[in-house]
Amino acid sequence: MARYIFVVHSDPREGQEDKFKEWYEQHLVNVTSKLGPFPRARLYRALDKPTPLREELRYLTIYEIETDDIEGIPQVFMSGKADGLIHRDEAFNEETDTWAFFEQISEAVAPE
């Protein structure tokens, strides 16, 4: 079975960071437990250190995907939305939402 990651950059609306994080916690549970080929998902927040991407990238979600049908993954999300499992809270700022799929091309490397 092929492995991929789905990477989403998103941000909360101004003043709604706590609600955004609360919504995301439930969202990740729904995706990993109810939608299918998502064994793990994590939300990350950029550190408050000046870096080239810091101003553009505040929150990053990484969904791990195991499937032989990556082309069908957008439909999995759409079905989850239609079934009420996936929704966007008002705290989610859709204007900053960007995403991409990446194919795994190597195994994890760790010291012996």
Protein backbone atom coordinates (compact mmCIF):
# COMPACT_ATOMS: atom_id res chain seq x y z
CA MET A 1 0.00 0.00 0.00
CA ALA A 2 1.34 3.43 -0.93
CA ARG A 3 1.96 6.09 1.71
CA TYR A 4 1.35 9.80 1.42
CA ILE A 5 0.93 12.85 3.58
CA PHE A 6 -1.66 15.57 3.18
CA VAL A 7 -0.25 18.86 4.45
CA VAL A 8 -2.56 21.74 5.33
CA HIS A 9 -1.50 25.24 6.30
CA SER A 10 -4.26 27.05 8.17
CA ASP A 11 -4.78 29.83 10.64
CA PRO A 12 -7.47 30.88 13.08
CA ARG A 13 -9.47 34.03 12.65
CA GLU A 14 -8.25 36.93 14.75
CA GLY A 15 -9.01 36.35 18.44
CA GLN A 16 -10.27 32.79 17.94
CA GLU A 17 -7.12 30.74 18.44
CA ASP A 18 -8.43 28.70 21.40
CA LYS A 19 -11.65 27.82 19.57
CA PHE A 20 -9.61 26.94 16.46
CA LYS A 21 -7.39 24.51 18.42
CA GLU A 22 -10.42 22.98 20.16
CA TRP A 23 -12.16 22.48 16.82
CA TYR A 24 -9.01 20.96 15.31
CA GLU A 25 -8.69 18.41 18.13
CA GLN A 26 -12.15 17.02 17.33
CA HIS A 27 -11.57 17.31 13.58
CA LEU A 28 -8.44 15.13 13.78
CA VAL A 29 -10.32 12.52 15.82
CA ASN A 30 -13.10 12.46 13.20
CA VAL A 31 -10.69 12.14 10.29
CA THR A 32 -8.56 9.38 11.81
CA SER A 33 -11.36 7.34 13.35
CA LYS A 34 -14.22 7.75 10.86
CA LEU A 35 -12.91 8.54 7.39
CA GLY A 36 -10.72 5.62 6.47
CA PRO A 37 -7.13 5.65 5.24
CA PHE A 38 -5.76 8.17 7.78
CA PRO A 39 -3.82 6.26 10.48
CA ARG A 40 -2.43 9.43 12.08
CA ALA A 41 -2.83 13.20 11.97
CA ARG A 42 -1.15 15.98 13.91
CA LEU A 43 -1.51 19.74 14.28
CA TYR A 44 1.64 21.83 14.67
CA ARG A 45 2.16 25.49 15.55
CA ALA A 46 5.14 27.53 14.37
CA LEU A 47 7.48 28.68 17.10
CA ASP A 48 7.57 32.36 17.91
CA LYS A 49 11.06 32.68 16.46
CA PRO A 50 11.79 34.77 13.40
CA THR A 51 12.30 32.50 10.38
CA PRO A 52 11.63 33.03 6.66
CA LEU A 53 8.26 31.22 6.81
CA ARG A 54 7.13 32.29 10.29
CA GLU A 55 4.97 35.20 9.12
CA GLU A 56 3.26 33.08 6.47
CA LEU A 57 2.92 29.78 8.28
CA ARG A 58 1.35 29.61 11.73
CA TYR A 59 -0.40 26.23 11.88
CA LEU A 60 0.41 23.10 9.94
CA THR A 61 -1.55 19.85 9.94
CA ILE A 62 -0.04 16.64 8.65
CA TYR A 63 -2.38 13.78 7.83
CA GLU A 64 -0.73 10.44 7.10
CA ILE A 65 -2.47 8.48 4.36
CA GLU A 66 -2.19 4.81 3.42
CA THR A 67 -4.02 4.00 0.20
CA ASP A 68 -3.67 2.61 -3.29
CA ASP A 69 -6.15 5.25 -4.53
CA ILE A 70 -4.74 8.70 -3.73
CA GLU A 71 -6.94 10.19 -6.46
CA GLY A 72 -9.98 9.19 -4.38
CA ILE A 73 -8.89 11.01 -1.21
CA PRO A 74 -10.59 14.33 -2.03
CA GLN A 75 -13.84 12.38 -2.41
CA VAL A 76 -13.29 10.79 1.01
CA PHE A 77 -13.18 14.29 2.51
CA MET A 78 -16.23 15.39 0.51
CA SER A 79 -18.18 12.34 1.69
CA GLY A 80 -17.18 13.10 5.27
CA LYS A 81 -18.45 16.64 4.79
CA ALA A 82 -21.75 15.40 3.34
CA ASP A 83 -22.15 12.97 6.27
CA GLY A 84 -21.54 15.77 8.78
CA LEU A 85 -18.23 14.34 10.01
CA ILE A 86 -16.16 17.12 8.48
CA HIS A 87 -16.98 20.80 8.79
CA ARG A 88 -15.10 24.02 9.21
CA ASP A 89 -15.68 26.01 12.34
CA GLU A 90 -16.09 29.76 12.04
CA ALA A 91 -12.74 30.09 13.88
CA PHE A 92 -11.02 28.61 10.79
CA ASN A 93 -9.73 31.35 8.46
CA GLU A 94 -10.38 29.97 4.97
CA GLU A 95 -8.48 32.87 3.38
CA THR A 96 -5.14 31.44 4.57
CA ASP A 97 -5.92 27.77 3.89
CA THR A 98 -3.45 26.05 1.53
CA TRP A 99 -2.76 22.36 1.08
CA ALA A 100 -0.83 19.74 -0.88
CA PHE A 101 -0.41 15.97 -1.15
CA PHE A 102 3.06 14.42 -0.96
CA GLU A 103 4.05 10.87 -1.92
CA GLN A 104 6.45 8.99 0.36
CA ILE A 105 9.54 8.08 -1.66
CA SER A 106 11.83 6.79 1.10
CA GLU A 107 11.52 4.95 4.36
CA ALA A 108 12.15 6.75 7.65
CA VAL A 109 15.83 6.97 8.53
CA ALA A 110 17.05 6.66 12.10
CA PRO A 111 20.42 5.90 13.63
CA GLU A 112 21.16 2.24 14.30
